[in-house]
Amino acid sequence: MYANGKKWGIVFRGITNLNLDAKGRLAIPVRYRESFAADNNQLVVTVDIHSRCLAIYPRNTWEKLQKEIDALPSTNRMAAYIKRMLIGHATDLTLDAAGRVLIPSELRAYAGLEKACVLAGVGKKFELWNAEAWSALSEQFLSEIEGEDLPAALESLSL
């Protein structure tokens, strides 16, 4: 995928309703597994700093992002917090033969993941949401967008 002459790499999109199993494993949908195969079925999961969900990246994508995060100035309090949260919670995972990954319990607790969840493809990563939290976020967005002015960059889009 290319935009403005730059290669984006893998792009994830779409919403999938899933269930974690009793052990906390997530079955990655078949249509996405090939994307992780290029990274030897390795991915990285971490917290999302904007909301109570998890961010799931192909390992190669995460490693590039981690370099950018690590380059943030440690003397800036917010940058240090972002490093601590994103890199500190980052966990390397590998898809098993059935295409599942075990989401660590501390990350499941952060996102409030129990059973029903939503996997949302949002470009270079997935977001993993508690299904009720996803529904509430969607409703909040719909109620807030009415009457709102779009950012200038979106005004020229023809959707």
C-alpha atoms as a PDB file:
ATOM      1  CA  MET A   1       0.000   0.000   0.000  1.00  0.00           C
ATOM      2  CA  TYR A   2       1.286   3.442  -0.885  1.00  0.00           C
ATOM      3  CA  ALA A   3       0.259   6.964   0.115  1.00  0.00           C
ATOM      4  CA  ASN A   4       2.106  10.129  -0.896  1.00  0.00           C
ATOM      5  CA  GLY A   5       4.880   7.978  -2.370  1.00  0.00           C
ATOM      6  CA  LYS A   6       5.572   6.176   0.932  1.00  0.00           C
ATOM      7  CA  LYS A   7       5.082   2.472   1.447  1.00  0.00           C
ATOM      8  CA  TRP A   8       2.614   1.818   4.296  1.00  0.00           C
ATOM      9  CA  GLY A   9       2.970  -1.925   4.489  1.00  0.00           C
ATOM     10  CA  ILE A  10       0.126  -3.996   5.868  1.00  0.00           C
ATOM     11  CA  VAL A  11      -3.206  -2.231   6.321  1.00  0.00           C
ATOM     12  CA  PHE A  12      -5.857  -3.688   8.610  1.00  0.00           C
ATOM     13  CA  ARG A  13      -9.513  -2.693   8.365  1.00  0.00           C
ATOM     14  CA  GLY A  14     -12.873  -3.967   9.459  1.00  0.00           C
ATOM     15  CA  ILE A  15     -14.620  -5.023  12.642  1.00  0.00           C
ATOM     16  CA  THR A  16     -14.777  -8.610  13.890  1.00  0.00           C
ATOM     17  CA  ASN A  17     -16.748  -9.762  16.919  1.00  0.00           C
ATOM     18  CA  LEU A  18     -14.795 -12.444  18.767  1.00  0.00           C
ATOM     19  CA  ASN A  19     -14.702 -14.276  22.070  1.00  0.00           C
ATOM     20  CA  LEU A  20     -11.706 -14.906  24.258  1.00  0.00           C
ATOM     21  CA  ASP A  21     -11.601 -18.522  25.375  1.00  0.00           C
ATOM     22  CA  ALA A  22     -11.504 -19.544  29.038  1.00  0.00           C
ATOM     23  CA  LYS A  23      -7.677 -19.285  29.053  1.00  0.00           C
ATOM     24  CA  GLY A  24      -7.684 -15.752  27.607  1.00  0.00           C
ATOM     25  CA  ARG A  25      -6.694 -16.768  24.085  1.00  0.00           C
ATOM     26  CA  LEU A  26      -7.773 -14.780  21.053  1.00  0.00           C
ATOM     27  CA  ALA A  27      -8.211 -16.509  17.694  1.00  0.00           C
ATOM     28  CA  ILE A  28      -6.970 -14.155  14.994  1.00  0.00           C
ATOM     29  CA  PRO A  29      -9.378 -14.312  12.027  1.00  0.00           C
ATOM     30  CA  VAL A  30      -8.047 -16.393   9.143  1.00  0.00           C
ATOM     31  CA  ARG A  31      -8.105 -13.445   6.723  1.00  0.00           C
ATOM     32  CA  TYR A  32      -5.469 -11.644   8.835  1.00  0.00           C
ATOM     33  CA  ARG A  33      -3.159 -14.534   9.700  1.00  0.00           C
ATOM     34  CA  GLU A  34      -1.185 -14.266   6.471  1.00  0.00           C
ATOM     35  CA  SER A  35      -0.230 -10.713   7.462  1.00  0.00           C
ATOM     36  CA  PHE A  36       1.480 -12.080  10.562  1.00  0.00           C
ATOM     37  CA  ALA A  37       3.095 -14.976   8.692  1.00  0.00           C
ATOM     38  CA  ALA A  38       5.555 -12.494   7.143  1.00  0.00           C
ATOM     39  CA  ASP A  39       6.795 -11.834  10.703  1.00  0.00           C
ATOM     40  CA  ASN A  40       7.076 -15.551  11.604  1.00  0.00           C
ATOM     41  CA  ASN A  41       3.616 -15.327  13.224  1.00  0.00           C
ATOM     42  CA  GLN A  42       4.947 -12.843  15.751  1.00  0.00           C
ATOM     43  CA  LEU A  43       3.049  -9.820  16.943  1.00  0.00           C
ATOM     44  CA  VAL A  44       3.205  -7.318  19.755  1.00  0.00           C
ATOM     45  CA  VAL A  45       0.328  -6.300  21.995  1.00  0.00           C
ATOM     46  CA  THR A  46       0.392  -3.236  24.238  1.00  0.00           C
ATOM     47  CA  VAL A  47      -1.988  -0.795  25.883  1.00  0.00           C
ATOM     48  CA  ASP A  48      -3.590   2.024  23.953  1.00  0.00           C
ATOM     49  CA  ILE A  49      -2.853   5.328  25.707  1.00  0.00           C
ATOM     50  CA  HIS A  50      -5.991   7.062  24.414  1.00  0.00           C
ATOM     51  CA  SER A  51      -8.589   4.529  25.506  1.00  0.00           C
ATOM     52  CA  ARG A  52      -9.049   1.319  27.454  1.00  0.00           C
ATOM     53  CA  CYS A  53      -8.274  -1.077  24.642  1.00  0.00           C
ATOM     54  CA  LEU A  54      -5.228  -2.983  23.449  1.00  0.00           C
ATOM     55  CA  ALA A  55      -3.159  -2.283  20.347  1.00  0.00           C
ATOM     56  CA  ILE A  56      -1.933  -5.274  18.346  1.00  0.00           C
ATOM     57  CA  TYR A  57       0.860  -4.815  15.806  1.00  0.00           C
ATOM     58  CA  PRO A  58       2.775  -7.116  13.476  1.00  0.00           C
ATOM     59  CA  ARG A  59       6.181  -7.373  15.133  1.00  0.00           C
ATOM     60  CA  ASN A  60       8.034  -5.649  12.301  1.00  0.00           C
ATOM     61  CA  THR A  61       5.635  -2.682  12.414  1.00  0.00           C
ATOM     62  CA  TRP A  62       5.960  -2.447  16.195  1.00  0.00           C
ATOM     63  CA  GLU A  63       9.758  -2.451  16.097  1.00  0.00           C
ATOM     64  CA  LYS A  64       9.757   0.595  13.802  1.00  0.00           C
ATOM     65  CA  LEU A  65       7.250   2.362  16.048  1.00  0.00           C
ATOM     66  CA  GLN A  66       9.192   1.464  19.188  1.00  0.00           C
ATOM     67  CA  LYS A  67      12.301   3.170  17.777  1.00  0.00           C
ATOM     68  CA  GLU A  68      10.253   6.343  17.301  1.00  0.00           C
ATOM     69  CA  ILE A  69       8.814   6.113  20.816  1.00  0.00           C
ATOM     70  CA  ASP A  70      12.223   5.421  22.333  1.00  0.00           C
ATOM     71  CA  ALA A  71      13.635   8.495  20.568  1.00  0.00           C
ATOM     72  CA  LEU A  72      11.226  10.773  22.446  1.00  0.00           C
ATOM     73  CA  PRO A  73      13.018  12.997  24.980  1.00  0.00           C
ATOM     74  CA  SER A  74      13.175  11.341  28.402  1.00  0.00           C
ATOM     75  CA  THR A  75      13.308  14.779  30.010  1.00  0.00           C
ATOM     76  CA  ASN A  76       9.746  15.482  28.901  1.00  0.00           C
ATOM     77  CA  ARG A  77       7.328  14.137  31.522  1.00  0.00           C
ATOM     78  CA  MET A  78       4.611  13.175  29.017  1.00  0.00           C
ATOM     79  CA  ALA A  79       7.107  11.507  26.676  1.00  0.00           C
ATOM     80  CA  ALA A  80       8.485   9.488  29.594  1.00  0.00           C
ATOM     81  CA  TYR A  81       4.943   8.450  30.535  1.00  0.00           C
ATOM     82  CA  ILE A  82       4.192   7.377  26.957  1.00  0.00           C
ATOM     83  CA  LYS A  83       7.408   5.323  26.827  1.00  0.00           C
ATOM     84  CA  ARG A  84       6.596   3.709  30.166  1.00  0.00           C
ATOM     85  CA  MET A  85       3.068   2.809  29.132  1.00  0.00           C
ATOM     86  CA  LEU A  86       3.612   1.685  25.531  1.00  0.00           C
ATOM     87  CA  ILE A  87       7.012   0.026  25.726  1.00  0.00           C
ATOM     88  CA  GLY A  88       6.580  -1.119  29.318  1.00  0.00           C
ATOM     89  CA  HIS A  89       3.381  -3.001  28.510  1.00  0.00           C
ATOM     90  CA  ALA A  90       4.521  -4.278  25.103  1.00  0.00           C
ATOM     91  CA  THR A  91       4.413  -8.061  25.026  1.00  0.00           C
ATOM     92  CA  ASP A  92       5.754 -10.294  22.270  1.00  0.00           C
ATOM     93  CA  LEU A  93       3.313 -12.994  21.222  1.00  0.00           C
ATOM     94  CA  THR A  94       3.380 -15.781  18.658  1.00  0.00           C
ATOM     95  CA  LEU A  95       0.367 -17.260  16.897  1.00  0.00           C
ATOM     96  CA  ASP A  96      -0.022 -20.923  17.738  1.00  0.00           C
ATOM     97  CA  ALA A  97      -0.857 -23.587  15.142  1.00  0.00           C
ATOM     98  CA  ALA A  98      -4.574 -22.749  15.515  1.00  0.00           C
ATOM     99  CA  GLY A  99      -3.960 -19.017  14.927  1.00  0.00           C
ATOM    100  CA  ARG A 100      -4.462 -18.034  18.572  1.00  0.00           C
ATOM    101  CA  VAL A 101      -2.516 -15.820  20.955  1.00  0.00           C
ATOM    102  CA  LEU A 102      -2.723 -15.753  24.729  1.00  0.00           C
ATOM    103  CA  ILE A 103      -3.476 -12.209  25.864  1.00  0.00           C
ATOM    104  CA  PRO A 104      -1.643 -11.686  29.188  1.00  0.00           C
ATOM    105  CA  SER A 105      -3.946 -11.263  32.185  1.00  0.00           C
ATOM    106  CA  GLU A 106      -2.642  -7.779  33.080  1.00  0.00           C
ATOM    107  CA  LEU A 107      -3.420  -6.558  29.567  1.00  0.00           C
ATOM    108  CA  ARG A 108      -6.865  -8.191  29.635  1.00  0.00           C
ATOM    109  CA  ALA A 109      -7.516  -6.388  32.929  1.00  0.00           C
ATOM    110  CA  TYR A 110      -6.394  -3.031  31.493  1.00  0.00           C
ATOM    111  CA  ALA A 111      -8.882  -3.300  28.618  1.00  0.00           C
ATOM    112  CA  GLY A 112     -11.633  -4.985  30.653  1.00  0.00           C
ATOM    113  CA  LEU A 113     -11.543  -8.036  28.395  1.00  0.00           C
ATOM    114  CA  GLU A 114     -13.492 -11.001  29.643  1.00  0.00           C
ATOM    115  CA  LYS A 115     -15.188 -12.916  26.864  1.00  0.00           C
ATOM    116  CA  ALA A 116     -16.986 -10.896  24.169  1.00  0.00           C
ATOM    117  CA  CYS A 117     -14.635  -8.529  22.386  1.00  0.00           C
ATOM    118  CA  VAL A 118     -14.249  -6.584  19.173  1.00  0.00           C
ATOM    119  CA  LEU A 119     -11.167  -6.642  16.966  1.00  0.00           C
ATOM    120  CA  ALA A 120     -11.049  -3.425  14.935  1.00  0.00           C
ATOM    121  CA  GLY A 121      -8.582  -3.008  12.093  1.00  0.00           C
ATOM    122  CA  VAL A 122      -7.433   0.613  12.156  1.00  0.00           C
ATOM    123  CA  GLY A 123      -4.624   0.865   9.618  1.00  0.00           C
ATOM    124  CA  LYS A 124      -1.251  -0.452  10.712  1.00  0.00           C
ATOM    125  CA  LYS A 125      -2.652  -2.070  13.866  1.00  0.00           C
ATOM    126  CA  PHE A 126      -5.661  -3.698  15.438  1.00  0.00           C
ATOM    127  CA  GLU A 127      -7.480  -2.455  18.486  1.00  0.00           C
ATOM    128  CA  LEU A 128      -8.928  -5.091  20.795  1.00  0.00           C
ATOM    129  CA  TRP A 129     -11.936  -3.841  22.754  1.00  0.00           C
ATOM    130  CA  ASN A 130     -14.310  -5.143  25.365  1.00  0.00           C
ATOM    131  CA  ALA A 131     -17.514  -5.523  23.284  1.00  0.00           C
ATOM    132  CA  GLU A 132     -19.599  -3.354  25.632  1.00  0.00           C
ATOM    133  CA  ALA A 133     -16.933  -0.619  25.683  1.00  0.00           C
ATOM    134  CA  TRP A 134     -16.794  -0.684  21.865  1.00  0.00           C
ATOM    135  CA  SER A 135     -20.562  -0.330  21.653  1.00  0.00           C
ATOM    136  CA  ALA A 136     -20.534   2.573  24.127  1.00  0.00           C
ATOM    137  CA  LEU A 137     -17.730   4.292  22.204  1.00  0.00           C
ATOM    138  CA  SER A 138     -19.651   3.908  18.942  1.00  0.00           C
ATOM    139  CA  GLU A 139     -22.793   5.394  20.487  1.00  0.00           C
ATOM    140  CA  GLN A 140     -20.798   8.258  22.012  1.00  0.00           C
ATOM    141  CA  PHE A 141     -19.217   9.024  18.640  1.00  0.00           C
ATOM    142  CA  LEU A 142     -22.560   9.060  16.876  1.00  0.00           C
ATOM    143  CA  SER A 143     -24.067  11.400  19.444  1.00  0.00           C
ATOM    144  CA  GLU A 144     -21.066  13.746  19.446  1.00  0.00           C
ATOM    145  CA  ILE A 145     -20.555  13.981  15.688  1.00  0.00           C
ATOM    146  CA  GLU A 146     -23.964  15.541  15.040  1.00  0.00           C
ATOM    147  CA  GLY A 147     -23.421  19.219  14.352  1.00  0.00           C
ATOM    148  CA  GLU A 148     -19.638  19.011  14.700  1.00  0.00           C
ATOM    149  CA  ASP A 149     -17.377  20.691  12.193  1.00  0.00           C
ATOM    150  CA  LEU A 150     -15.096  18.300  10.371  1.00  0.00           C
ATOM    151  CA  PRO A 151     -11.354  18.919  10.419  1.00  0.00           C
ATOM    152  CA  ALA A 152     -10.287  20.733   7.248  1.00  0.00           C
ATOM    153  CA  ALA A 153      -8.422  17.661   5.977  1.00  0.00           C
ATOM    154  CA  LEU A 154     -11.660  15.647   6.022  1.00  0.00           C
ATOM    155  CA  GLU A 155     -13.833  18.242   4.319  1.00  0.00           C
ATOM    156  CA  SER A 156     -12.396  17.385   0.898  1.00  0.00           C
ATOM    157  CA  LEU A 157     -13.025  13.643   1.236  1.00  0.00           C
ATOM    158  CA  SER A 158     -15.849  12.175  -0.754  1.00  0.00           C
ATOM    159  CA  LEU A 159     -17.151   9.284   1.334  1.00  0.00           C
END
